[in-house]
Amino acid sequence: MKRLLAKAFRNRFDMSREDAKALADTVKKVFNGKNEVEDTAIDKYVRALFYELQRERFVKVRREEFKEKRRLLRKYYWSLDKEAIKSEAKRKHVDDPGKIYYTLAKRVWLSHFRHNT
């Protein structure tokens, strides 16, 4: 699952292989072989990561409600969306040769425009 997760991260976030492996390691350590992890068991930085992964549909959240001392309480559990991860990992990554132009600062384009008119 770690390799699939790293490949899915590379495809979705356009990450380097090393960064994707490191992120997959972090996620794997948090789950520690379990299917779900309780929200209160993770720190705020991992929670922020999980919210980002939830937006990308890599993790799901499940809510459990129960009564304790006449109060309604909720617990939240995070789990990996294995189907979405597999689907993204198998997706053919298309390298866009024009993506270099997205990284150039706006001022570079403006100066190019001024000099060529």
PDB file of N, CA and C in Angstrom:
ATOM      1  N   MET A   1       0.822  -1.194   0.000  1.00  0.00           N
ATOM      2  CA  MET A   1       0.000   0.000   0.000  1.00  0.00           C
ATOM      3  C   MET A   1       0.865   1.257   0.000  1.00  0.00           C
ATOM      4  N   LYS A   2       2.040   1.179   0.627  1.00  0.00           N
ATOM      5  CA  LYS A   2       2.910   2.356   0.685  1.00  0.00           C
ATOM      6  C   LYS A   2       3.353   2.789  -0.713  1.00  0.00           C
ATOM      7  N   ARG A   3       3.679   1.816  -1.564  1.00  0.00           N
ATOM      8  CA  ARG A   3       4.106   2.161  -2.927  1.00  0.00           C
ATOM      9  C   ARG A   3       2.964   2.779  -3.727  1.00  0.00           C
ATOM     10  N   LEU A   4       1.768   2.220  -3.569  1.00  0.00           N
ATOM     11  CA  LEU A   4       0.603   2.785  -4.259  1.00  0.00           C
ATOM     12  C   LEU A   4       0.326   4.204  -3.783  1.00  0.00           C
ATOM     13  N   LEU A   5       0.441   4.407  -2.476  1.00  0.00           N
ATOM     14  CA  LEU A   5       0.196   5.728  -1.903  1.00  0.00           C
ATOM     15  C   LEU A   5       1.210   6.738  -2.430  1.00  0.00           C
ATOM     16  N   ALA A   6       2.477   6.346  -2.468  1.00  0.00           N
ATOM     17  CA  ALA A   6       3.521   7.245  -2.982  1.00  0.00           C
ATOM     18  C   ALA A   6       3.278   7.569  -4.461  1.00  0.00           C
ATOM     19  N   LYS A   7       2.891   6.571  -5.231  1.00  0.00           N
ATOM     20  CA  LYS A   7       2.623   6.810  -6.656  1.00  0.00           C
ATOM     21  C   LYS A   7       1.401   7.713  -6.836  1.00  0.00           C
ATOM     22  N   ALA A   8       0.385   7.516  -6.020  1.00  0.00           N
ATOM     23  CA  ALA A   8      -0.811   8.369  -6.086  1.00  0.00           C
ATOM     24  C   ALA A   8      -0.459   9.812  -5.738  1.00  0.00           C
ATOM     25  N   PHE A   9       0.390  10.003  -4.723  1.00  0.00           N
ATOM     26  CA  PHE A   9       0.821  11.356  -4.355  1.00  0.00           C
ATOM     27  C   PHE A   9       1.608  12.003  -5.489  1.00  0.00           C
ATOM     28  N   ARG A  10       2.486  11.228  -6.105  1.00  0.00           N
ATOM     29  CA  ARG A  10       3.278  11.767  -7.225  1.00  0.00           C
ATOM     30  C   ARG A  10       2.371  12.213  -8.364  1.00  0.00           C
ATOM     31  N   ASN A  11       1.389  11.394  -8.677  1.00  0.00           N
ATOM     32  CA  ASN A  11       0.491  11.723  -9.784  1.00  0.00           C
ATOM     33  C   ASN A  11      -0.383  12.931  -9.475  1.00  0.00           C
ATOM     34  N   ARG A  12      -0.967  12.952  -8.291  1.00  0.00           N
ATOM     35  CA  ARG A  12      -1.932  14.011  -7.979  1.00  0.00           C
ATOM     36  C   ARG A  12      -1.267  15.348  -7.692  1.00  0.00           C
ATOM     37  N   PHE A  13      -0.164  15.312  -6.924  1.00  0.00           N
ATOM     38  CA  PHE A  13       0.460  16.558  -6.478  1.00  0.00           C
ATOM     39  C   PHE A  13       1.695  16.939  -7.278  1.00  0.00           C
ATOM     40  N   ASP A  14       2.055  16.130  -8.281  1.00  0.00           N
ATOM     41  CA  ASP A  14       3.242  16.395  -9.096  1.00  0.00           C
ATOM     42  C   ASP A  14       4.477  16.536  -8.211  1.00  0.00           C
ATOM     43  N   MET A  15       4.660  15.565  -7.317  1.00  0.00           N
ATOM     44  CA  MET A  15       5.753  15.584  -6.341  1.00  0.00           C
ATOM     45  C   MET A  15       6.954  14.810  -6.877  1.00  0.00           C
ATOM     46  N   SER A  16       8.091  15.072  -6.272  1.00  0.00           N
ATOM     47  CA  SER A  16       9.268  14.255  -6.572  1.00  0.00           C
ATOM     48  C   SER A  16       9.076  12.882  -5.929  1.00  0.00           C
ATOM     49  N   ARG A  17       9.800  11.910  -6.415  1.00  0.00           N
ATOM     50  CA  ARG A  17       9.697  10.547  -5.888  1.00  0.00           C
ATOM     51  C   ARG A  17      10.040  10.509  -4.395  1.00  0.00           C
ATOM     52  N   GLU A  18      11.085  11.223  -3.995  1.00  0.00           N
ATOM     53  CA  GLU A  18      11.520  11.224  -2.597  1.00  0.00           C
ATOM     54  C   GLU A  18      10.474  11.860  -1.684  1.00  0.00           C
ATOM     55  N   ASP A  19       9.902  12.979  -2.113  1.00  0.00           N
ATOM     56  CA  ASP A  19       8.878  13.650  -1.307  1.00  0.00           C
ATOM     57  C   ASP A  19       7.628  12.786  -1.178  1.00  0.00           C
ATOM     58  N   ALA A  20       7.245  12.146  -2.264  1.00  0.00           N
ATOM     59  CA  ALA A  20       6.061  11.282  -2.233  1.00  0.00           C
ATOM     60  C   ALA A  20       6.281  10.096  -1.300  1.00  0.00           C
ATOM     61  N   LYS A  21       7.488   9.511  -1.320  1.00  0.00           N
ATOM     62  CA  LYS A  21       7.800   8.397  -0.419  1.00  0.00           C
ATOM     63  C   LYS A  21       7.778   8.853   1.033  1.00  0.00           C
ATOM     64  N   ALA A  22       8.327  10.034   1.301  1.00  0.00           N
ATOM     65  CA  ALA A  22       8.346  10.556   2.673  1.00  0.00           C
ATOM     66  C   ALA A  22       6.925  10.803   3.177  1.00  0.00           C
ATOM     67  N   LEU A  23       6.081  11.351   2.332  1.00  0.00           N
ATOM     68  CA  LEU A  23       4.695  11.598   2.720  1.00  0.00           C
ATOM     69  C   LEU A  23       3.952  10.281   2.941  1.00  0.00           C
ATOM     70  N   ALA A  24       4.191   9.312   2.084  1.00  0.00           N
ATOM     71  CA  ALA A  24       3.568   7.992   2.243  1.00  0.00           C
ATOM     72  C   ALA A  24       4.039   7.335   3.535  1.00  0.00           C
ATOM     73  N   ASP A  25       5.325   7.490   3.880  1.00  0.00           N
ATOM     74  CA  ASP A  25       5.845   6.968   5.148  1.00  0.00           C
ATOM     75  C   ASP A  25       5.126   7.593   6.333  1.00  0.00           C
ATOM     76  N   THR A  26       4.931   8.895   6.281  1.00  0.00           N
ATOM     77  CA  THR A  26       4.252   9.597   7.369  1.00  0.00           C
ATOM     78  C   THR A  26       2.836   9.067   7.552  1.00  0.00           C
ATOM     79  N   VAL A  27       2.117   8.933   6.458  1.00  0.00           N
ATOM     80  CA  VAL A  27       0.738   8.438   6.527  1.00  0.00           C
ATOM     81  C   VAL A  27       0.719   7.007   7.046  1.00  0.00           C
ATOM     82  N   LYS A  28       1.639   6.183   6.570  1.00  0.00           N
ATOM     83  CA  LYS A  28       1.706   4.784   7.003  1.00  0.00           C
ATOM     84  C   LYS A  28       2.003   4.683   8.496  1.00  0.00           C
ATOM     85  N   LYS A  29       2.902   5.531   9.000  1.00  0.00           N
ATOM     86  CA  LYS A  29       3.226   5.523  10.432  1.00  0.00           C
ATOM     87  C   LYS A  29       2.031   5.932  11.281  1.00  0.00           C
ATOM     88  N   VAL A  30       1.256   6.882  10.807  1.00  0.00           N
ATOM     89  CA  VAL A  30       0.078   7.322  11.563  1.00  0.00           C
ATOM     90  C   VAL A  30      -0.933   6.180  11.675  1.00  0.00           C
ATOM     91  N   PHE A  31      -1.166   5.465  10.592  1.00  0.00           N
ATOM     92  CA  PHE A  31      -2.131   4.369  10.618  1.00  0.00           C
ATOM     93  C   PHE A  31      -1.566   3.128  11.303  1.00  0.00           C
ATOM     94  N   ASN A  32      -0.266   2.937  11.264  1.00  0.00           N
ATOM     95  CA  ASN A  32       0.407   1.851  11.980  1.00  0.00           C
ATOM     96  C   ASN A  32      -0.263   0.489  11.748  1.00  0.00           C
ATOM     97  N   GLY A  33      -0.627   0.220  10.498  1.00  0.00           N
ATOM     98  CA  GLY A  33      -1.210  -1.070  10.156  1.00  0.00           C
ATOM     99  C   GLY A  33      -2.698  -1.197  10.431  1.00  0.00           C
ATOM    100  N   LYS A  34      -3.317  -0.185  11.016  1.00  0.00           N
ATOM    101  CA  LYS A  34      -4.753  -0.226  11.317  1.00  0.00           C
ATOM    102  C   LYS A  34      -5.555   0.349  10.148  1.00  0.00           C
ATOM    103  N   ASN A  35      -6.805  -0.034  10.083  1.00  0.00           N
ATOM    104  CA  ASN A  35      -7.683   0.493   9.032  1.00  0.00           C
ATOM    105  C   ASN A  35      -8.151   1.903   9.328  1.00  0.00           C
ATOM    106  N   GLU A  36      -8.300   2.218  10.615  1.00  0.00           N
ATOM    107  CA  GLU A  36      -8.768   3.538  11.029  1.00  0.00           C
ATOM    108  C   GLU A  36      -7.882   4.070  12.144  1.00  0.00           C
ATOM    109  N   VAL A  37      -7.852   5.393  12.233  1.00  0.00           N
ATOM    110  CA  VAL A  37      -7.146   6.037  13.336  1.00  0.00           C
ATOM    111  C   VAL A  37      -8.081   7.099  13.910  1.00  0.00           C
ATOM    112  N   GLU A  38      -8.142   7.153  15.240  1.00  0.00           N
ATOM    113  CA  GLU A  38      -9.027   8.113  15.900  1.00  0.00           C
ATOM    114  C   GLU A  38      -8.448   9.519  15.790  1.00  0.00           C
ATOM    115  N   ASP A  39      -9.310  10.474  15.542  1.00  0.00           N
ATOM    116  CA  ASP A  39      -8.889  11.859  15.341  1.00  0.00           C
ATOM    117  C   ASP A  39      -8.142  12.415  16.551  1.00  0.00           C
ATOM    118  N   THR A  40      -8.553  12.050  17.746  1.00  0.00           N
ATOM    119  CA  THR A  40      -7.893  12.584  18.947  1.00  0.00           C
ATOM    120  C   THR A  40      -6.491  12.007  19.147  1.00  0.00           C
ATOM    121  N   ALA A  41      -6.158  10.950  18.419  1.00  0.00           N
ATOM    122  CA  ALA A  41      -4.849  10.316  18.564  1.00  0.00           C
ATOM    123  C   ALA A  41      -3.774  10.951  17.682  1.00  0.00           C
ATOM    124  N   ILE A  42      -4.161  11.887  16.821  1.00  0.00           N
ATOM    125  CA  ILE A  42      -3.181  12.498  15.920  1.00  0.00           C
ATOM    126  C   ILE A  42      -2.956  13.953  16.305  1.00  0.00           C
ATOM    127  N   ASP A  43      -1.787  14.470  15.961  1.00  0.00           N
ATOM    128  CA  ASP A  43      -1.505  15.875  16.293  1.00  0.00           C
ATOM    129  C   ASP A  43      -2.064  16.811  15.223  1.00  0.00           C
ATOM    130  N   LYS A  44      -2.004  18.095  15.502  1.00  0.00           N
ATOM    131  CA  LYS A  44      -2.658  19.073  14.623  1.00  0.00           C
ATOM    132  C   LYS A  44      -2.030  19.147  13.236  1.00  0.00           C
ATOM    133  N   TYR A  45      -0.740  18.837  13.123  1.00  0.00           N
ATOM    134  CA  TYR A  45      -0.086  18.894  11.817  1.00  0.00           C
ATOM    135  C   TYR A  45      -0.528  17.726  10.932  1.00  0.00           C
ATOM    136  N   VAL A  46      -0.654  16.565  11.531  1.00  0.00           N
ATOM    137  CA  VAL A  46      -1.146  15.402  10.783  1.00  0.00           C
ATOM    138  C   VAL A  46      -2.608  15.626  10.412  1.00  0.00           C
ATOM    139  N   ARG A  47      -3.377  16.213  11.322  1.00  0.00           N
ATOM    140  CA  ARG A  47      -4.782  16.510  11.029  1.00  0.00           C
ATOM    141  C   ARG A  47      -4.887  17.459   9.835  1.00  0.00           C
ATOM    142  N   ALA A  48      -4.035  18.475   9.801  1.00  0.00           N
ATOM    143  CA  ALA A  48      -4.034  19.409   8.664  1.00  0.00           C
ATOM    144  C   ALA A  48      -3.702  18.667   7.366  1.00  0.00           C
ATOM    145  N   LEU A  49      -2.742  17.756   7.436  1.00  0.00           N
ATOM    146  CA  LEU A  49      -2.402  16.929   6.274  1.00  0.00           C
ATOM    147  C   LEU A  49      -3.604  16.084   5.849  1.00  0.00           C
ATOM    148  N   PHE A  50      -4.283  15.482   6.817  1.00  0.00           N
ATOM    149  CA  PHE A  50      -5.443  14.649   6.498  1.00  0.00           C
ATOM    150  C   PHE A  50      -6.571  15.466   5.876  1.00  0.00           C
ATOM    151  N   TYR A  51      -6.754  16.697   6.320  1.00  0.00           N
ATOM    152  CA  TYR A  51      -7.778  17.541   5.691  1.00  0.00           C
ATOM    153  C   TYR A  51      -7.438  17.787   4.217  1.00  0.00           C
ATOM    154  N   GLU A  52      -6.165  18.006   3.945  1.00  0.00           N
ATOM    155  CA  GLU A  52      -5.745  18.189   2.545  1.00  0.00           C
ATOM    156  C   GLU A  52      -5.960  16.898   1.745  1.00  0.00           C
ATOM    157  N   LEU A  53      -5.607  15.772   2.342  1.00  0.00           N
ATOM    158  CA  LEU A  53      -5.795  14.489   1.663  1.00  0.00           C
ATOM    159  C   LEU A  53      -7.279  14.159   1.498  1.00  0.00           C
ATOM    160  N   GLN A  54      -8.105  14.631   2.429  1.00  0.00           N
ATOM    161  CA  GLN A  54      -9.547  14.433   2.302  1.00  0.00           C
ATOM    162  C   GLN A  54     -10.099  15.240   1.123  1.00  0.00           C
ATOM    163  N   ARG A  55      -9.587  16.452   0.945  1.00  0.00           N
ATOM    164  CA  ARG A  55     -10.021  17.263  -0.201  1.00  0.00           C
ATOM    165  C   ARG A  55      -9.688  16.574  -1.523  1.00  0.00           C
ATOM    166  N   GLU A  56      -8.588  15.837  -1.517  1.00  0.00           N
ATOM    167  CA  GLU A  56      -8.174  15.108  -2.722  1.00  0.00           C
ATOM    168  C   GLU A  56      -8.766  13.701  -2.775  1.00  0.00           C
ATOM    169  N   ARG A  57      -9.594  13.369  -1.809  1.00  0.00           N
ATOM    170  CA  ARG A  57     -10.309  12.099  -1.715  1.00  0.00           C
ATOM    171  C   ARG A  57      -9.402  10.894  -1.455  1.00  0.00           C
ATOM    172  N   PHE A  58      -8.273  11.106  -0.795  1.00  0.00           N
ATOM    173  CA  PHE A  58      -7.398   9.992  -0.430  1.00  0.00           C
ATOM    174  C   PHE A  58      -7.740   9.413   0.938  1.00  0.00           C
ATOM    175  N   VAL A  59      -8.343  10.204   1.801  1.00  0.00           N
ATOM    176  CA  VAL A  59      -8.779   9.707   3.108  1.00  0.00           C
ATOM    177  C   VAL A  59     -10.251  10.059   3.302  1.00  0.00           C
ATOM    178  N   LYS A  60     -10.897   9.260   4.145  1.00  0.00           N
ATOM    179  CA  LYS A  60     -12.302   9.484   4.491  1.00  0.00           C
ATOM    180  C   LYS A  60     -12.394   9.667   6.000  1.00  0.00           C
ATOM    181  N   VAL A  61     -13.476  10.291   6.412  1.00  0.00           N
ATOM    182  CA  VAL A  61     -13.708  10.484   7.838  1.00  0.00           C
ATOM    183  C   VAL A  61     -15.054   9.856   8.192  1.00  0.00           C
ATOM    184  N   ARG A  62     -15.084   9.196   9.339  1.00  0.00           N
ATOM    185  CA  ARG A  62     -16.316   8.569   9.829  1.00  0.00           C
ATOM    186  C   ARG A  62     -16.619   9.153  11.200  1.00  0.00           C
ATOM    187  N   ARG A  63     -17.884   9.472  11.428  1.00  0.00           N
ATOM    188  CA  ARG A  63     -18.283  10.048  12.709  1.00  0.00           C
ATOM    189  C   ARG A  63     -19.111   9.033  13.482  1.00  0.00           C
ATOM    190  N   GLU A  64     -18.815   8.931  14.771  1.00  0.00           N
ATOM    191  CA  GLU A  64     -19.557   8.038  15.653  1.00  0.00           C
ATOM    192  C   GLU A  64     -20.142   8.882  16.779  1.00  0.00           C
ATOM    193  N   GLU A  65     -21.433   8.756  17.017  1.00  0.00           N
ATOM    194  CA  GLU A  65     -22.085   9.495  18.100  1.00  0.00           C
ATOM    195  C   GLU A  65     -22.469   8.526  19.206  1.00  0.00           C
ATOM    196  N   PHE A  66     -22.297   8.966  20.450  1.00  0.00           N
ATOM    197  CA  PHE A  66     -22.669   8.137  21.594  1.00  0.00           C
ATOM    198  C   PHE A  66     -23.009   9.043  22.774  1.00  0.00           C
ATOM    199  N   LYS A  67     -23.749   8.481  23.726  1.00  0.00           N
ATOM    200  CA  LYS A  67     -24.127   9.241  24.918  1.00  0.00           C
ATOM    201  C   LYS A  67     -23.257   8.809  26.084  1.00  0.00           C
ATOM    202  N   GLU A  68     -22.819   9.802  26.822  1.00  0.00           N
ATOM    203  CA  GLU A  68     -22.041   9.551  28.026  1.00  0.00           C
ATOM    204  C   GLU A  68     -22.460  10.591  29.058  1.00  0.00           C
ATOM    205  N   LYS A  69     -22.975  10.124  30.181  1.00  0.00           N
ATOM    206  CA  LYS A  69     -23.444  11.023  31.248  1.00  0.00           C
ATOM    207  C   LYS A  69     -24.435  12.056  30.712  1.00  0.00           C
ATOM    208  N   ARG A  70     -25.417  11.573  29.974  1.00  0.00           N
ATOM    209  CA  ARG A  70     -26.489  12.401  29.407  1.00  0.00           C
ATOM    210  C   ARG A  70     -26.017  13.412  28.358  1.00  0.00           C
ATOM    211  N   ARG A  71     -24.811  13.284  27.910  1.00  0.00           N
ATOM    212  CA  ARG A  71     -24.293  14.197  26.878  1.00  0.00           C
ATOM    213  C   ARG A  71     -24.072  13.410  25.594  1.00  0.00           C
ATOM    214  N   LEU A  72     -24.382  14.050  24.497  1.00  0.00           N
ATOM    215  CA  LEU A  72     -24.140  13.443  23.195  1.00  0.00           C
ATOM    216  C   LEU A  72     -22.719  13.809  22.759  1.00  0.00           C
ATOM    217  N   LEU A  73     -21.889  12.812  22.581  1.00  0.00           N
ATOM    218  CA  LEU A  73     -20.494  13.032  22.190  1.00  0.00           C
ATOM    219  C   LEU A  73     -20.257  12.447  20.801  1.00  0.00           C
ATOM    220  N   ARG A  74     -19.244  12.978  20.156  1.00  0.00           N
ATOM    221  CA  ARG A  74     -18.876  12.492  18.824  1.00  0.00           C
ATOM    222  C   ARG A  74     -17.395  12.139  18.796  1.00  0.00           C
ATOM    223  N   LYS A  75     -17.103  11.060  18.092  1.00  0.00           N
ATOM    224  CA  LYS A  75     -15.720  10.682  17.815  1.00  0.00           C
ATOM    225  C   LYS A  75     -15.576  10.608  16.302  1.00  0.00           C
ATOM    226  N   TYR A  76     -14.404  11.002  15.837  1.00  0.00           N
ATOM    227  CA  TYR A  76     -14.126  10.975  14.404  1.00  0.00           C
ATOM    228  C   TYR A  76     -12.980  10.008  14.137  1.00  0.00           C
ATOM    229  N   TYR A  77     -13.106   9.265  13.054  1.00  0.00           N
ATOM    230  CA  TYR A  77     -12.100   8.283  12.665  1.00  0.00           C
ATOM    231  C   TYR A  77     -11.697   8.526  11.216  1.00  0.00           C
ATOM    232  N   TRP A  78     -10.394   8.503  10.965  1.00  0.00           N
ATOM    233  CA  TRP A  78      -9.850   8.667   9.617  1.00  0.00           C
ATOM    234  C   TRP A  78      -9.530   7.295   9.042  1.00  0.00           C
ATOM    235  N   SER A  79      -9.772   7.117   7.753  1.00  0.00           N
ATOM    236  CA  SER A  79      -9.382   5.883   7.066  1.00  0.00           C
ATOM    237  C   SER A  79      -8.927   6.226   5.654  1.00  0.00           C
ATOM    238  N   LEU A  80      -8.097   5.373   5.107  1.00  0.00           N
ATOM    239  CA  LEU A  80      -7.622   5.562   3.736  1.00  0.00           C
ATOM    240  C   LEU A  80      -8.698   5.115   2.757  1.00  0.00           C
ATOM    241  N   ASP A  81      -8.892   5.859   1.704  1.00  0.00           N
ATOM    242  CA  ASP A  81      -9.805   5.472   0.632  1.00  0.00           C
ATOM    243  C   ASP A  81      -8.979   4.687  -0.389  1.00  0.00           C
ATOM    244  N   LYS A  82      -8.906   3.393  -0.170  1.00  0.00           N
ATOM    245  CA  LYS A  82      -8.013   2.545  -0.959  1.00  0.00           C
ATOM    246  C   LYS A  82      -8.366   2.527  -2.445  1.00  0.00           C
ATOM    247  N   GLU A  83      -9.641   2.599  -2.761  1.00  0.00           N
ATOM    248  CA  GLU A  83     -10.048   2.603  -4.174  1.00  0.00           C
ATOM    249  C   GLU A  83      -9.571   3.871  -4.882  1.00  0.00           C
ATOM    250  N   ALA A  84      -9.723   5.014  -4.221  1.00  0.00           N
ATOM    251  CA  ALA A  84      -9.275   6.279  -4.821  1.00  0.00           C
ATOM    252  C   ALA A  84      -7.757   6.293  -4.971  1.00  0.00           C
ATOM    253  N   ILE A  85      -7.061   5.734  -3.990  1.00  0.00           N
ATOM    254  CA  ILE A  85      -5.596   5.679  -4.037  1.00  0.00           C
ATOM    255  C   ILE A  85      -5.145   4.786  -5.192  1.00  0.00           C
ATOM    256  N   LYS A  86      -5.760   3.617  -5.317  1.00  0.00           N
ATOM    257  CA  LYS A  86      -5.412   2.704  -6.418  1.00  0.00           C
ATOM    258  C   LYS A  86      -5.696   3.340  -7.770  1.00  0.00           C
ATOM    259  N   SER A  87      -6.832   3.989  -7.868  1.00  0.00           N
ATOM    260  CA  SER A  87      -7.212   4.630  -9.126  1.00  0.00           C
ATOM    261  C   SER A  87      -6.211   5.714  -9.523  1.00  0.00           C
ATOM    262  N   GLU A  88      -5.819   6.540  -8.565  1.00  0.00           N
ATOM    263  CA  GLU A  88      -4.864   7.615  -8.860  1.00  0.00           C
ATOM    264  C   GLU A  88      -3.474   7.057  -9.150  1.00  0.00           C
ATOM    265  N   ALA A  89      -3.086   5.997  -8.451  1.00  0.00           N
ATOM    266  CA  ALA A  89      -1.766   5.401  -8.669  1.00  0.00           C
ATOM    267  C   ALA A  89      -1.663   4.780 -10.060  1.00  0.00           C
ATOM    268  N   LYS A  90      -2.762   4.245 -10.558  1.00  0.00           N
ATOM    269  CA  LYS A  90      -2.752   3.606 -11.876  1.00  0.00           C
ATOM    270  C   LYS A  90      -2.933   4.593 -13.018  1.00  0.00           C
ATOM    271  N   ARG A  91      -3.337   5.814 -12.686  1.00  0.00           N
ATOM    272  CA  ARG A  91      -3.545   6.826 -13.722  1.00  0.00           C
ATOM    273  C   ARG A  91      -2.214   7.141 -14.396  1.00  0.00           C
ATOM    274  N   LYS A  92      -2.235   7.234 -15.686  1.00  0.00           N
ATOM    275  CA  LYS A  92      -1.028   7.553 -16.453  1.00  0.00           C
ATOM    276  C   LYS A  92      -0.661   9.008 -16.201  1.00  0.00           C
ATOM    277  N   HIS A  93       0.544   9.232 -15.713  1.00  0.00           N
ATOM    278  CA  HIS A  93       1.021  10.588 -15.438  1.00  0.00           C
ATOM    279  C   HIS A  93       1.508  11.208 -16.741  1.00  0.00           C
ATOM    280  N   VAL A  94       0.922  12.331 -17.094  1.00  0.00           N
ATOM    281  CA  VAL A  94       1.292  13.033 -18.318  1.00  0.00           C
ATOM    282  C   VAL A  94       2.153  14.227 -17.931  1.00  0.00           C
ATOM    283  N   ASP A  95       3.377  14.224 -18.403  1.00  0.00           N
ATOM    284  CA  ASP A  95       4.280  15.331 -18.112  1.00  0.00           C
ATOM    285  C   ASP A  95       4.018  16.448 -19.111  1.00  0.00           C
ATOM    286  N   ASP A  96       3.642  17.594 -18.601  1.00  0.00           N
ATOM    287  CA  ASP A  96       3.314  18.745 -19.439  1.00  0.00           C
ATOM    288  C   ASP A  96       4.587  19.535 -19.722  1.00  0.00           C
ATOM    289  N   PRO A  97       5.087  19.527 -20.954  1.00  0.00           N
ATOM    290  CA  PRO A  97       6.316  20.273 -21.244  1.00  0.00           C
ATOM    291  C   PRO A  97       6.127  21.780 -21.102  1.00  0.00           C
ATOM    292  N   GLY A  98       4.904  22.249 -21.144  1.00  0.00           N
ATOM    293  CA  GLY A  98       4.645  23.678 -21.017  1.00  0.00           C
ATOM    294  C   GLY A  98       4.531  24.160 -19.587  1.00  0.00           C
ATOM    295  N   LYS A  99       4.676  23.239 -18.596  1.00  0.00           N
ATOM    296  CA  LYS A  99       4.496  23.663 -17.205  1.00  0.00           C
ATOM    297  C   LYS A  99       5.603  24.604 -16.724  1.00  0.00           C
ATOM    298  N   ILE A 100       6.715  24.650 -17.422  1.00  0.00           N
ATOM    299  CA  ILE A 100       7.784  25.580 -17.065  1.00  0.00           C
ATOM    300  C   ILE A 100       7.283  27.019 -17.111  1.00  0.00           C
ATOM    301  N   TYR A 101       6.357  27.287 -18.018  1.00  0.00           N
ATOM    302  CA  TYR A 101       5.848  28.651 -18.164  1.00  0.00           C
ATOM    303  C   TYR A 101       4.987  29.079 -16.976  1.00  0.00           C
ATOM    304  N   TYR A 102       4.407  28.114 -16.274  1.00  0.00           N
ATOM    305  CA  TYR A 102       3.606  28.448 -15.094  1.00  0.00           C
ATOM    306  C   TYR A 102       4.488  28.880 -13.928  1.00  0.00           C
ATOM    307  N   THR A 103       5.746  28.464 -13.931  1.00  0.00           N
ATOM    308  CA  THR A 103       6.631  28.787 -12.815  1.00  0.00           C
ATOM    309  C   THR A 103       7.310  30.137 -12.975  1.00  0.00           C
ATOM    310  N   LEU A 104       7.272  30.699 -14.163  1.00  0.00           N
ATOM    311  CA  LEU A 104       7.900  32.001 -14.380  1.00  0.00           C
ATOM    312  C   LEU A 104       7.087  33.110 -13.721  1.00  0.00           C
ATOM    313  N   ALA A 105       7.794  34.058 -13.147  1.00  0.00           N
ATOM    314  CA  ALA A 105       7.127  35.175 -12.483  1.00  0.00           C
ATOM    315  C   ALA A 105       6.402  36.048 -13.502  1.00  0.00           C
ATOM    316  N   LYS A 106       5.365  36.711 -13.037  1.00  0.00           N
ATOM    317  CA  LYS A 106       4.568  37.570 -13.915  1.00  0.00           C
ATOM    318  C   LYS A 106       5.424  38.687 -14.505  1.00  0.00           C
ATOM    319  N   ARG A 107       6.381  39.190 -13.726  1.00  0.00           N
ATOM    320  CA  ARG A 107       7.233  40.286 -14.205  1.00  0.00           C
ATOM    321  C   ARG A 107       8.085  39.858 -15.399  1.00  0.00           C
ATOM    322  N   VAL A 108       8.449  38.577 -15.460  1.00  0.00           N
ATOM    323  CA  VAL A 108       9.219  38.071 -16.601  1.00  0.00           C
ATOM    324  C   VAL A 108       8.375  38.177 -17.867  1.00  0.00           C
ATOM    325  N   TRP A 109       7.123  37.784 -17.787  1.00  0.00           N
ATOM    326  CA  TRP A 109       6.230  37.870 -18.934  1.00  0.00           C
ATOM    327  C   TRP A 109       5.992  39.321 -19.330  1.00  0.00           C
ATOM    328  N   LEU A 110       5.833  40.191 -18.347  1.00  0.00           N
ATOM    329  CA  LEU A 110       5.593  41.600 -18.651  1.00  0.00           C
ATOM    330  C   LEU A 110       6.805  42.237 -19.319  1.00  0.00           C
ATOM    331  N   SER A 111       8.011  41.912 -18.829  1.00  0.00           N
ATOM    332  CA  SER A 111       9.212  42.482 -19.446  1.00  0.00           C
ATOM    333  C   SER A 111       9.397  41.936 -20.863  1.00  0.00           C
ATOM    334  N   HIS A 112       9.070  40.675 -21.071  1.00  0.00           N
ATOM    335  CA  HIS A 112       9.146  40.074 -22.402  1.00  0.00           C
ATOM    336  C   HIS A 112       8.172  40.784 -23.349  1.00  0.00           C
ATOM    337  N   PHE A 113       6.988  41.062 -22.865  1.00  0.00           N
ATOM    338  CA  PHE A 113       5.970  41.733 -23.667  1.00  0.00           C
ATOM    339  C   PHE A 113       6.415  43.153 -24.034  1.00  0.00           C
ATOM    340  N   ARG A 114       6.996  43.881 -23.071  1.00  0.00           N
ATOM    341  CA  ARG A 114       7.429  45.255 -23.323  1.00  0.00           C
ATOM    342  C   ARG A 114       8.562  45.318 -24.341  1.00  0.00           C
ATOM    343  N   HIS A 115       9.470  44.363 -24.295  1.00  0.00           N
ATOM    344  CA  HIS A 115      10.625  44.368 -25.197  1.00  0.00           C
ATOM    345  C   HIS A 115      10.285  43.906 -26.609  1.00  0.00           C
ATOM    346  N   ASN A 116       9.210  43.181 -26.757  1.00  0.00           N
ATOM    347  CA  ASN A 116       8.843  42.644 -28.067  1.00  0.00           C
ATOM    348  C   ASN A 116       7.730  43.423 -28.756  1.00  0.00           C
ATOM    349  N   THR A 117       7.363  44.572 -28.230  1.00  0.00           N
ATOM    350  CA  THR A 117       6.306  45.355 -28.892  1.00  0.00           C
ATOM    351  C   THR A 117       6.861  46.608 -29.510  1.00  0.00           C
TER     352      THR A 117
END
